[in-house]
Amino acid sequence: VAFYLSANAGEDLKPLSKVASGGELARIMLAIKSALAHK
């Protein structure tokens, strides 16, 4: 499984590990944990 991200309008989806800033990584981790919290 690979996560792909485009954080800004007009940018192509690219591998998360290559394009996410530290702040974006923190929020993505929190979003994943939140999305899966009920499971």
PDB file of all heavy atoms in Angstrom:
ATOM      1  N   VAL A   1       0.858  -1.185   0.000  1.00  0.00           N
ATOM      2  CA  VAL A   1       0.000   0.000   0.000  1.00  0.00           C
ATOM      3  C   VAL A   1       0.890   1.230   0.000  1.00  0.00           C
ATOM      4  O   VAL A   1       1.853   1.306   0.763  1.00  0.00           O
ATOM      5  CB  VAL A   1      -0.922   0.027   1.232  1.00  0.00           C
ATOM      6  CG1 VAL A   1      -1.819   1.259   1.204  1.00  0.00           C
ATOM      7  CG2 VAL A   1      -1.744  -1.245   1.322  1.00  0.00           C
ATOM      8  N   ALA A   2       0.568   2.182  -0.846  1.00  0.00           N
ATOM      9  CA  ALA A   2       1.292   3.453  -0.874  1.00  0.00           C
ATOM     10  C   ALA A   2       0.266   4.577  -0.802  1.00  0.00           C
ATOM     11  O   ALA A   2      -0.805   4.499  -1.407  1.00  0.00           O
ATOM     12  CB  ALA A   2       2.122   3.567  -2.154  1.00  0.00           C
ATOM     13  N   PHE A   3       0.608   5.597  -0.052  1.00  0.00           N
ATOM     14  CA  PHE A   3      -0.240   6.779   0.049  1.00  0.00           C
ATOM     15  C   PHE A   3       0.289   7.836  -0.910  1.00  0.00           C
ATOM     16  O   PHE A   3       1.493   8.087  -0.973  1.00  0.00           O
ATOM     17  CB  PHE A   3      -0.239   7.345   1.469  1.00  0.00           C
ATOM     18  CG  PHE A   3      -0.847   6.427   2.497  1.00  0.00           C
ATOM     19  CD1 PHE A   3      -0.335   6.399   3.779  1.00  0.00           C
ATOM     20  CD2 PHE A   3      -1.933   5.606   2.210  1.00  0.00           C
ATOM     21  CE1 PHE A   3      -0.887   5.580   4.748  1.00  0.00           C
ATOM     22  CE2 PHE A   3      -2.494   4.783   3.162  1.00  0.00           C
ATOM     23  CZ  PHE A   3      -1.974   4.775   4.436  1.00  0.00           C
ATOM     24  N   TYR A   4      -0.628   8.468  -1.632  1.00  0.00           N
ATOM     25  CA  TYR A   4      -0.290   9.537  -2.562  1.00  0.00           C
ATOM     26  C   TYR A   4      -1.013  10.806  -2.136  1.00  0.00           C
ATOM     27  O   TYR A   4      -2.146  10.746  -1.660  1.00  0.00           O
ATOM     28  CB  TYR A   4      -0.683   9.156  -3.993  1.00  0.00           C
ATOM     29  CG  TYR A   4       0.324   8.242  -4.647  1.00  0.00           C
ATOM     30  CD1 TYR A   4       0.474   6.926  -4.243  1.00  0.00           C
ATOM     31  CD2 TYR A   4       1.150   8.716  -5.660  1.00  0.00           C
ATOM     32  CE1 TYR A   4       1.418   6.092  -4.826  1.00  0.00           C
ATOM     33  CE2 TYR A   4       2.098   7.886  -6.253  1.00  0.00           C
ATOM     34  CZ  TYR A   4       2.225   6.582  -5.833  1.00  0.00           C
ATOM     35  OH  TYR A   4       3.169   5.771  -6.410  1.00  0.00           O
ATOM     36  N   LEU A   5      -0.325  11.932  -2.317  1.00  0.00           N
ATOM     37  CA  LEU A   5      -0.837  13.190  -1.807  1.00  0.00           C
ATOM     38  C   LEU A   5      -0.587  14.322  -2.790  1.00  0.00           C
ATOM     39  O   LEU A   5       0.447  14.381  -3.453  1.00  0.00           O
ATOM     40  CB  LEU A   5      -0.112  13.526  -0.488  1.00  0.00           C
ATOM     41  CG  LEU A   5      -0.437  14.860   0.162  1.00  0.00           C
ATOM     42  CD1 LEU A   5      -1.735  14.770   0.935  1.00  0.00           C
ATOM     43  CD2 LEU A   5       0.687  15.275   1.094  1.00  0.00           C
ATOM     44  N   SER A   6      -1.561  15.216  -2.858  1.00  0.00           N
ATOM     45  CA  SER A   6      -1.378  16.531  -3.458  1.00  0.00           C
ATOM     46  C   SER A   6      -1.951  17.503  -2.438  1.00  0.00           C
ATOM     47  O   SER A   6      -3.168  17.546  -2.224  1.00  0.00           O
ATOM     48  CB  SER A   6      -2.122  16.654  -4.794  1.00  0.00           C
ATOM     49  OG  SER A   6      -2.110  18.017  -5.194  1.00  0.00           O
ATOM     50  N   ALA A   7      -1.090  18.250  -1.777  1.00  0.00           N
ATOM     51  CA  ALA A   7      -1.530  19.149  -0.704  1.00  0.00           C
ATOM     52  C   ALA A   7      -2.027  20.488  -1.247  1.00  0.00           C
ATOM     53  O   ALA A   7      -2.738  21.206  -0.555  1.00  0.00           O
ATOM     54  CB  ALA A   7      -0.396  19.377   0.295  1.00  0.00           C
ATOM     55  N   ASN A   8      -1.663  20.807  -2.477  1.00  0.00           N
ATOM     56  CA  ASN A   8      -1.999  22.117  -3.044  1.00  0.00           C
ATOM     57  C   ASN A   8      -2.704  21.958  -4.380  1.00  0.00           C
ATOM     58  O   ASN A   8      -2.355  21.087  -5.185  1.00  0.00           O
ATOM     59  CB  ASN A   8      -0.723  22.949  -3.220  1.00  0.00           C
ATOM     60  CG  ASN A   8       0.004  23.130  -1.920  1.00  0.00           C
ATOM     61  OD1 ASN A   8      -0.538  23.641  -0.955  1.00  0.00           O
ATOM     62  ND2 ASN A   8       1.256  22.683  -1.872  1.00  0.00           N
ATOM     63  N   ALA A   9      -3.660  22.847  -4.624  1.00  0.00           N
ATOM     64  CA  ALA A   9      -4.387  22.831  -5.890  1.00  0.00           C
ATOM     65  C   ALA A   9      -3.403  22.935  -7.057  1.00  0.00           C
ATOM     66  O   ALA A   9      -2.417  23.667  -6.989  1.00  0.00           O
ATOM     67  CB  ALA A   9      -5.381  23.988  -5.930  1.00  0.00           C
ATOM     68  N   GLY A  10      -3.670  22.165  -8.103  1.00  0.00           N
ATOM     69  CA  GLY A  10      -2.835  22.216  -9.299  1.00  0.00           C
ATOM     70  C   GLY A  10      -1.633  21.291  -9.274  1.00  0.00           C
ATOM     71  O   GLY A  10      -0.931  21.175 -10.271  1.00  0.00           O
ATOM     72  N   GLU A  11      -1.387  20.650  -8.158  1.00  0.00           N
ATOM     73  CA  GLU A  11      -0.252  19.722  -8.054  1.00  0.00           C
ATOM     74  C   GLU A  11      -0.727  18.300  -8.322  1.00  0.00           C
ATOM     75  O   GLU A  11      -1.825  17.920  -7.916  1.00  0.00           O
ATOM     76  CB  GLU A  11       0.368  19.798  -6.657  1.00  0.00           C
ATOM     77  CG  GLU A  11       0.987  21.137  -6.329  1.00  0.00           C
ATOM     78  CD  GLU A  11       2.208  21.441  -7.170  1.00  0.00           C
ATOM     79  OE1 GLU A  11       3.001  20.519  -7.451  1.00  0.00           O
ATOM     80  OE2 GLU A  11       2.361  22.607  -7.572  1.00  0.00           O
ATOM     81  N   ASP A  12       0.117  17.507  -8.972  1.00  0.00           N
ATOM     82  CA  ASP A  12      -0.203  16.101  -9.217  1.00  0.00           C
ATOM     83  C   ASP A  12      -0.046  15.304  -7.927  1.00  0.00           C
ATOM     84  O   ASP A  12       0.736  15.673  -7.040  1.00  0.00           O
ATOM     85  CB  ASP A  12       0.747  15.515 -10.266  1.00  0.00           C
ATOM     86  CG  ASP A  12       0.531  16.110 -11.651  1.00  0.00           C
ATOM     87  OD1 ASP A  12      -0.604  16.554 -11.930  1.00  0.00           O
ATOM     88  OD2 ASP A  12       1.501  16.135 -12.437  1.00  0.00           O
ATOM     89  N   LEU A  13      -0.779  14.203  -7.855  1.00  0.00           N
ATOM     90  CA  LEU A  13      -0.596  13.270  -6.742  1.00  0.00           C
ATOM     91  C   LEU A  13       0.787  12.651  -6.842  1.00  0.00           C
ATOM     92  O   LEU A  13       1.200  12.211  -7.919  1.00  0.00           O
ATOM     93  CB  LEU A  13      -1.663  12.174  -6.796  1.00  0.00           C
ATOM     94  CG  LEU A  13      -3.058  12.592  -6.363  1.00  0.00           C
ATOM     95  CD1 LEU A  13      -4.094  11.624  -6.887  1.00  0.00           C
ATOM     96  CD2 LEU A  13      -3.127  12.668  -4.851  1.00  0.00           C
ATOM     97  N   LYS A  14       1.489  12.645  -5.732  1.00  0.00           N
ATOM     98  CA  LYS A  14       2.832  12.062  -5.675  1.00  0.00           C
ATOM     99  C   LYS A  14       2.948  11.260  -4.391  1.00  0.00           C
ATOM    100  O   LYS A  14       2.173  11.458  -3.451  1.00  0.00           O
ATOM    101  CB  LYS A  14       3.885  13.165  -5.705  1.00  0.00           C
ATOM    102  CG  LYS A  14       3.889  13.937  -7.019  1.00  0.00           C
ATOM    103  CD  LYS A  14       4.936  15.006  -7.047  1.00  0.00           C
ATOM    104  CE  LYS A  14       4.839  15.749  -8.378  1.00  0.00           C
ATOM    105  NZ  LYS A  14       5.407  17.064  -8.326  1.00  0.00           N
ATOM    106  N   PRO A  15       3.948  10.376  -4.290  1.00  0.00           N
ATOM    107  CA  PRO A  15       4.100   9.582  -3.066  1.00  0.00           C
ATOM    108  C   PRO A  15       4.218  10.489  -1.837  1.00  0.00           C
ATOM    109  O   PRO A  15       4.993  11.453  -1.830  1.00  0.00           O
ATOM    110  CB  PRO A  15       5.392   8.798  -3.299  1.00  0.00           C
ATOM    111  CG  PRO A  15       5.520   8.723  -4.793  1.00  0.00           C
ATOM    112  CD  PRO A  15       4.953  10.023  -5.296  1.00  0.00           C
ATOM    113  N   LEU A  16       3.433  10.174  -0.837  1.00  0.00           N
ATOM    114  CA  LEU A  16       3.408  10.955   0.397  1.00  0.00           C
ATOM    115  C   LEU A  16       4.814  11.162   0.962  1.00  0.00           C
ATOM    116  O   LEU A  16       5.167  12.266   1.370  1.00  0.00           O
ATOM    117  CB  LEU A  16       2.527  10.233   1.423  1.00  0.00           C
ATOM    118  CG  LEU A  16       2.444  10.817   2.810  1.00  0.00           C
ATOM    119  CD1 LEU A  16       1.627  12.089   2.789  1.00  0.00           C
ATOM    120  CD2 LEU A  16       1.824   9.809   3.757  1.00  0.00           C
ATOM    121  N   SER A  17       5.617  10.120   0.936  1.00  0.00           N
ATOM    122  CA  SER A  17       6.961  10.194   1.507  1.00  0.00           C
ATOM    123  C   SER A  17       7.865  11.186   0.784  1.00  0.00           C
ATOM    124  O   SER A  17       8.860  11.637   1.332  1.00  0.00           O
ATOM    125  CB  SER A  17       7.617   8.817   1.503  1.00  0.00           C
ATOM    126  OG  SER A  17       7.735   8.343   0.164  1.00  0.00           O
ATOM    127  N   LYS A  18       7.501  11.543  -0.442  1.00  0.00           N
ATOM    128  CA  LYS A  18       8.339  12.454  -1.241  1.00  0.00           C
ATOM    129  C   LYS A  18       7.894  13.909  -1.163  1.00  0.00           C
ATOM    130  O   LYS A  18       8.689  14.809  -1.413  1.00  0.00           O
ATOM    131  CB  LYS A  18       8.316  12.030  -2.718  1.00  0.00           C
ATOM    132  CG  LYS A  18       8.756  10.621  -2.966  1.00  0.00           C
ATOM    133  CD  LYS A  18      10.237  10.492  -2.937  1.00  0.00           C
ATOM    134  CE  LYS A  18      10.620   9.086  -3.370  1.00  0.00           C
ATOM    135  NZ  LYS A  18      11.903   8.683  -2.885  1.00  0.00           N
ATOM    136  N   VAL A  19       6.601  14.159  -0.828  1.00  0.00           N
ATOM    137  CA  VAL A  19       6.097  15.524  -0.973  1.00  0.00           C
ATOM    138  C   VAL A  19       5.547  16.158   0.301  1.00  0.00           C
ATOM    139  O   VAL A  19       5.384  17.371   0.349  1.00  0.00           O
ATOM    140  CB  VAL A  19       5.011  15.606  -2.074  1.00  0.00           C
ATOM    141  CG1 VAL A  19       5.598  15.258  -3.428  1.00  0.00           C
ATOM    142  CG2 VAL A  19       3.810  14.741  -1.755  1.00  0.00           C
ATOM    143  N   ALA A  20       5.264  15.378   1.330  1.00  0.00           N
ATOM    144  CA  ALA A  20       4.616  15.945   2.519  1.00  0.00           C
ATOM    145  C   ALA A  20       5.622  16.642   3.425  1.00  0.00           C
ATOM    146  O   ALA A  20       6.705  16.128   3.698  1.00  0.00           O
ATOM    147  CB  ALA A  20       3.899  14.849   3.297  1.00  0.00           C
ATOM    148  N   SER A  21       5.231  17.824   3.895  1.00  0.00           N
ATOM    149  CA  SER A  21       6.045  18.549   4.880  1.00  0.00           C
ATOM    150  C   SER A  21       5.818  17.920   6.253  1.00  0.00           C
ATOM    151  O   SER A  21       4.927  17.086   6.432  1.00  0.00           O
ATOM    152  CB  SER A  21       5.626  20.021   4.923  1.00  0.00           C
ATOM    153  OG  SER A  21       4.326  20.137   5.502  1.00  0.00           O
ATOM    154  N   GLY A  22       6.599  18.346   7.229  1.00  0.00           N
ATOM    155  CA  GLY A  22       6.435  17.837   8.591  1.00  0.00           C
ATOM    156  C   GLY A  22       5.050  18.105   9.145  1.00  0.00           C
ATOM    157  O   GLY A  22       4.429  17.233   9.752  1.00  0.00           O
ATOM    158  N   GLY A  23       4.549  19.314   8.931  1.00  0.00           N
ATOM    159  CA  GLY A  23       3.209  19.651   9.402  1.00  0.00           C
ATOM    160  C   GLY A  23       2.139  18.850   8.696  1.00  0.00           C
ATOM    161  O   GLY A  23       1.156  18.430   9.302  1.00  0.00           O
ATOM    162  N   GLU A  24       2.312  18.620   7.406  1.00  0.00           N
ATOM    163  CA  GLU A  24       1.349  17.812   6.657  1.00  0.00           C
ATOM    164  C   GLU A  24       1.389  16.362   7.132  1.00  0.00           C
ATOM    165  O   GLU A  24       0.332  15.752   7.315  1.00  0.00           O
ATOM    166  CB  GLU A  24       1.654  17.900   5.158  1.00  0.00           C
ATOM    167  CG  GLU A  24       1.311  19.261   4.583  1.00  0.00           C
ATOM    168  CD  GLU A  24       1.943  19.523   3.226  1.00  0.00           C
ATOM    169  OE1 GLU A  24       2.853  18.776   2.799  1.00  0.00           O
ATOM    170  OE2 GLU A  24       1.525  20.511   2.590  1.00  0.00           O
ATOM    171  N   LEU A  25       2.584  15.824   7.358  1.00  0.00           N
ATOM    172  CA  LEU A  25       2.683  14.450   7.852  1.00  0.00           C
ATOM    173  C   LEU A  25       1.972  14.285   9.188  1.00  0.00           C
ATOM    174  O   LEU A  25       1.280  13.292   9.419  1.00  0.00           O
ATOM    175  CB  LEU A  25       4.151  14.036   7.996  1.00  0.00           C
ATOM    176  CG  LEU A  25       4.879  13.680   6.713  1.00  0.00           C
ATOM    177  CD1 LEU A  25       6.363  13.457   6.980  1.00  0.00           C
ATOM    178  CD2 LEU A  25       4.262  12.446   6.068  1.00  0.00           C
ATOM    179  N   ALA A  26       2.141  15.269  10.078  1.00  0.00           N
ATOM    180  CA  ALA A  26       1.492  15.198  11.381  1.00  0.00           C
ATOM    181  C   ALA A  26      -0.021  15.176  11.218  1.00  0.00           C
ATOM    182  O   ALA A  26      -0.717  14.363  11.838  1.00  0.00           O
ATOM    183  CB  ALA A  26       1.929  16.383  12.245  1.00  0.00           C
ATOM    184  N   ARG A  27      -0.548  16.043  10.382  1.00  0.00           N
ATOM    185  CA  ARG A  27      -1.993  16.102  10.190  1.00  0.00           C
ATOM    186  C   ARG A  27      -2.521  14.862   9.472  1.00  0.00           C
ATOM    187  O   ARG A  27      -3.612  14.379   9.774  1.00  0.00           O
ATOM    188  CB  ARG A  27      -2.377  17.372   9.437  1.00  0.00           C
ATOM    189  CG  ARG A  27      -2.260  18.594  10.339  1.00  0.00           C
ATOM    190  CD  ARG A  27      -2.676  19.858   9.650  1.00  0.00           C
ATOM    191  NE  ARG A  27      -1.556  20.341   8.845  1.00  0.00           N
ATOM    192  CZ  ARG A  27      -1.650  21.294   7.943  1.00  0.00           C
ATOM    193  NH1 ARG A  27      -2.799  21.884   7.703  1.00  0.00           N
ATOM    194  NH2 ARG A  27      -0.591  21.693   7.271  1.00  0.00           N
ATOM    195  N   ILE A  28      -1.755  14.321   8.542  1.00  0.00           N
ATOM    196  CA  ILE A  28      -2.182  13.106   7.842  1.00  0.00           C
ATOM    197  C   ILE A  28      -2.243  11.941   8.816  1.00  0.00           C
ATOM    198  O   ILE A  28      -3.206  11.166   8.818  1.00  0.00           O
ATOM    199  CB  ILE A  28      -1.256  12.807   6.643  1.00  0.00           C
ATOM    200  CG1 ILE A  28      -1.474  13.884   5.569  1.00  0.00           C
ATOM    201  CG2 ILE A  28      -1.503  11.414   6.088  1.00  0.00           C
ATOM    202  CD1 ILE A  28      -0.376  13.955   4.532  1.00  0.00           C
ATOM    203  N   MET A  29      -1.248  11.828   9.685  1.00  0.00           N
ATOM    204  CA  MET A  29      -1.265  10.755  10.691  1.00  0.00           C
ATOM    205  C   MET A  29      -2.483  10.893  11.593  1.00  0.00           C
ATOM    206  O   MET A  29      -3.180   9.916  11.888  1.00  0.00           O
ATOM    207  CB  MET A  29       0.018  10.787  11.523  1.00  0.00           C
ATOM    208  CG  MET A  29      -0.003   9.818  12.696  1.00  0.00           C
ATOM    209  SD  MET A  29      -0.294   8.111  12.234  1.00  0.00           S
ATOM    210  CE  MET A  29       1.347   7.636  11.797  1.00  0.00           C
ATOM    211  N   LEU A  30      -2.768  12.105  12.024  1.00  0.00           N
ATOM    212  CA  LEU A  30      -3.925  12.343  12.875  1.00  0.00           C
ATOM    213  C   LEU A  30      -5.218  12.045  12.118  1.00  0.00           C
ATOM    214  O   LEU A  30      -6.156  11.457  12.672  1.00  0.00           O
ATOM    215  CB  LEU A  30      -3.909  13.781  13.396  1.00  0.00           C
ATOM    216  CG  LEU A  30      -4.974  14.149  14.411  1.00  0.00           C
ATOM    217  CD1 LEU A  30      -4.947  13.229  15.624  1.00  0.00           C
ATOM    218  CD2 LEU A  30      -4.772  15.601  14.852  1.00  0.00           C
ATOM    219  N   ALA A  31      -5.280  12.402  10.849  1.00  0.00           N
ATOM    220  CA  ALA A  31      -6.467  12.113  10.033  1.00  0.00           C
ATOM    221  C   ALA A  31      -6.672  10.610   9.870  1.00  0.00           C
ATOM    222  O   ALA A  31      -7.803  10.114   9.961  1.00  0.00           O
ATOM    223  CB  ALA A  31      -6.341  12.787   8.664  1.00  0.00           C
ATOM    224  N   ILE A  32      -5.591   9.879   9.639  1.00  0.00           N
ATOM    225  CA  ILE A  32      -5.693   8.417   9.503  1.00  0.00           C
ATOM    226  C   ILE A  32      -6.184   7.806  10.811  1.00  0.00           C
ATOM    227  O   ILE A  32      -7.095   6.974  10.820  1.00  0.00           O
ATOM    228  CB  ILE A  32      -4.344   7.812   9.059  1.00  0.00           C
ATOM    229  CG1 ILE A  32      -4.035   8.218   7.613  1.00  0.00           C
ATOM    230  CG2 ILE A  32      -4.362   6.290   9.204  1.00  0.00           C
ATOM    231  CD1 ILE A  32      -2.619   7.897   7.158  1.00  0.00           C
ATOM    232  N   LYS A  33      -5.596   8.218  11.917  1.00  0.00           N
ATOM    233  CA  LYS A  33      -6.022   7.707  13.228  1.00  0.00           C
ATOM    234  C   LYS A  33      -7.486   8.044  13.484  1.00  0.00           C
ATOM    235  O   LYS A  33      -8.238   7.228  14.015  1.00  0.00           O
ATOM    236  CB  LYS A  33      -5.151   8.273  14.350  1.00  0.00           C
ATOM    237  CG  LYS A  33      -3.778   7.666  14.434  1.00  0.00           C
ATOM    238  CD  LYS A  33      -3.883   6.225  14.853  1.00  0.00           C
ATOM    239  CE  LYS A  33      -2.547   5.636  15.196  1.00  0.00           C
ATOM    240  NZ  LYS A  33      -2.662   4.213  15.541  1.00  0.00           N
ATOM    241  N   SER A  34      -7.896   9.252  13.111  1.00  0.00           N
ATOM    242  CA  SER A  34      -9.287   9.664  13.312  1.00  0.00           C
ATOM    243  C   SER A  34     -10.232   8.871  12.418  1.00  0.00           C
ATOM    244  O   SER A  34     -11.310   8.462  12.851  1.00  0.00           O
ATOM    245  CB  SER A  34      -9.438  11.160  13.038  1.00  0.00           C
ATOM    246  OG  SER A  34      -8.676  11.904  13.961  1.00  0.00           O
ATOM    247  N   ALA A  35      -9.836   8.662  11.168  1.00  0.00           N
ATOM    248  CA  ALA A  35     -10.675   7.931  10.225  1.00  0.00           C
ATOM    249  C   ALA A  35     -10.870   6.480  10.656  1.00  0.00           C
ATOM    250  O   ALA A  35     -11.928   5.892  10.411  1.00  0.00           O
ATOM    251  CB  ALA A  35     -10.063   7.988   8.826  1.00  0.00           C
ATOM    252  N   LEU A  36      -9.881   5.927  11.305  1.00  0.00           N
ATOM    253  CA  LEU A  36      -9.942   4.519  11.719  1.00  0.00           C
ATOM    254  C   LEU A  36     -10.350   4.334  13.175  1.00  0.00           C
ATOM    255  O   LEU A  36     -10.440   3.206  13.646  1.00  0.00           O
ATOM    256  CB  LEU A  36      -8.577   3.859  11.481  1.00  0.00           C
ATOM    257  CG  LEU A  36      -8.105   3.817  10.033  1.00  0.00           C
ATOM    258  CD1 LEU A  36      -6.704   3.239   9.933  1.00  0.00           C
ATOM    259  CD2 LEU A  36      -9.075   3.028   9.164  1.00  0.00           C
ATOM    260  N   ALA A  37     -10.625   5.415  13.890  1.00  0.00           N
ATOM    261  CA  ALA A  37     -10.886   5.343  15.336  1.00  0.00           C
ATOM    262  C   ALA A  37     -12.013   4.386  15.680  1.00  0.00           C
ATOM    263  O   ALA A  37     -11.924   3.652  16.671  1.00  0.00           O
ATOM    264  CB  ALA A  37     -11.182   6.738  15.882  1.00  0.00           C
ATOM    265  N   HIS A  38     -13.061   4.372  14.882  1.00  0.00           N
ATOM    266  CA  HIS A  38     -14.206   3.512  15.189  1.00  0.00           C
ATOM    267  C   HIS A  38     -13.891   2.030  14.976  1.00  0.00           C
ATOM    268  O   HIS A  38     -14.576   1.165  15.494  1.00  0.00           O
ATOM    269  CB  HIS A  38     -15.427   3.932  14.369  1.00  0.00           C
ATOM    270  CG  HIS A  38     -15.271   3.701  12.906  1.00  0.00           C
ATOM    271  ND1 HIS A  38     -14.490   4.504  12.112  1.00  0.00           N
ATOM    272  CD2 HIS A  38     -15.785   2.740  12.099  1.00  0.00           C
ATOM    273  CE1 HIS A  38     -14.533   4.056  10.867  1.00  0.00           C
ATOM    274  NE2 HIS A  38     -15.313   3.001  10.831  1.00  0.00           N
ATOM    275  N   LYS A  39     -12.843   1.728  14.218  1.00  0.00           N
ATOM    276  CA  LYS A  39     -12.446   0.336  13.979  1.00  0.00           C
ATOM    277  C   LYS A  39     -11.269  -0.088  14.850  1.00  0.00           C
ATOM    278  O   LYS A  39     -10.966  -1.268  14.946  1.00  0.00           O
ATOM    279  CB  LYS A  39     -12.062   0.156  12.519  1.00  0.00           C
ATOM    280  CG  LYS A  39     -13.187   0.450  11.566  1.00  0.00           C
ATOM    281  CD  LYS A  39     -13.260  -0.604  10.526  1.00  0.00           C
ATOM    282  CE  LYS A  39     -14.356  -0.266   9.556  1.00  0.00           C
ATOM    283  NZ  LYS A  39     -15.362  -1.278   9.522  1.00  0.00           N
TER     284      LYS A  39
END
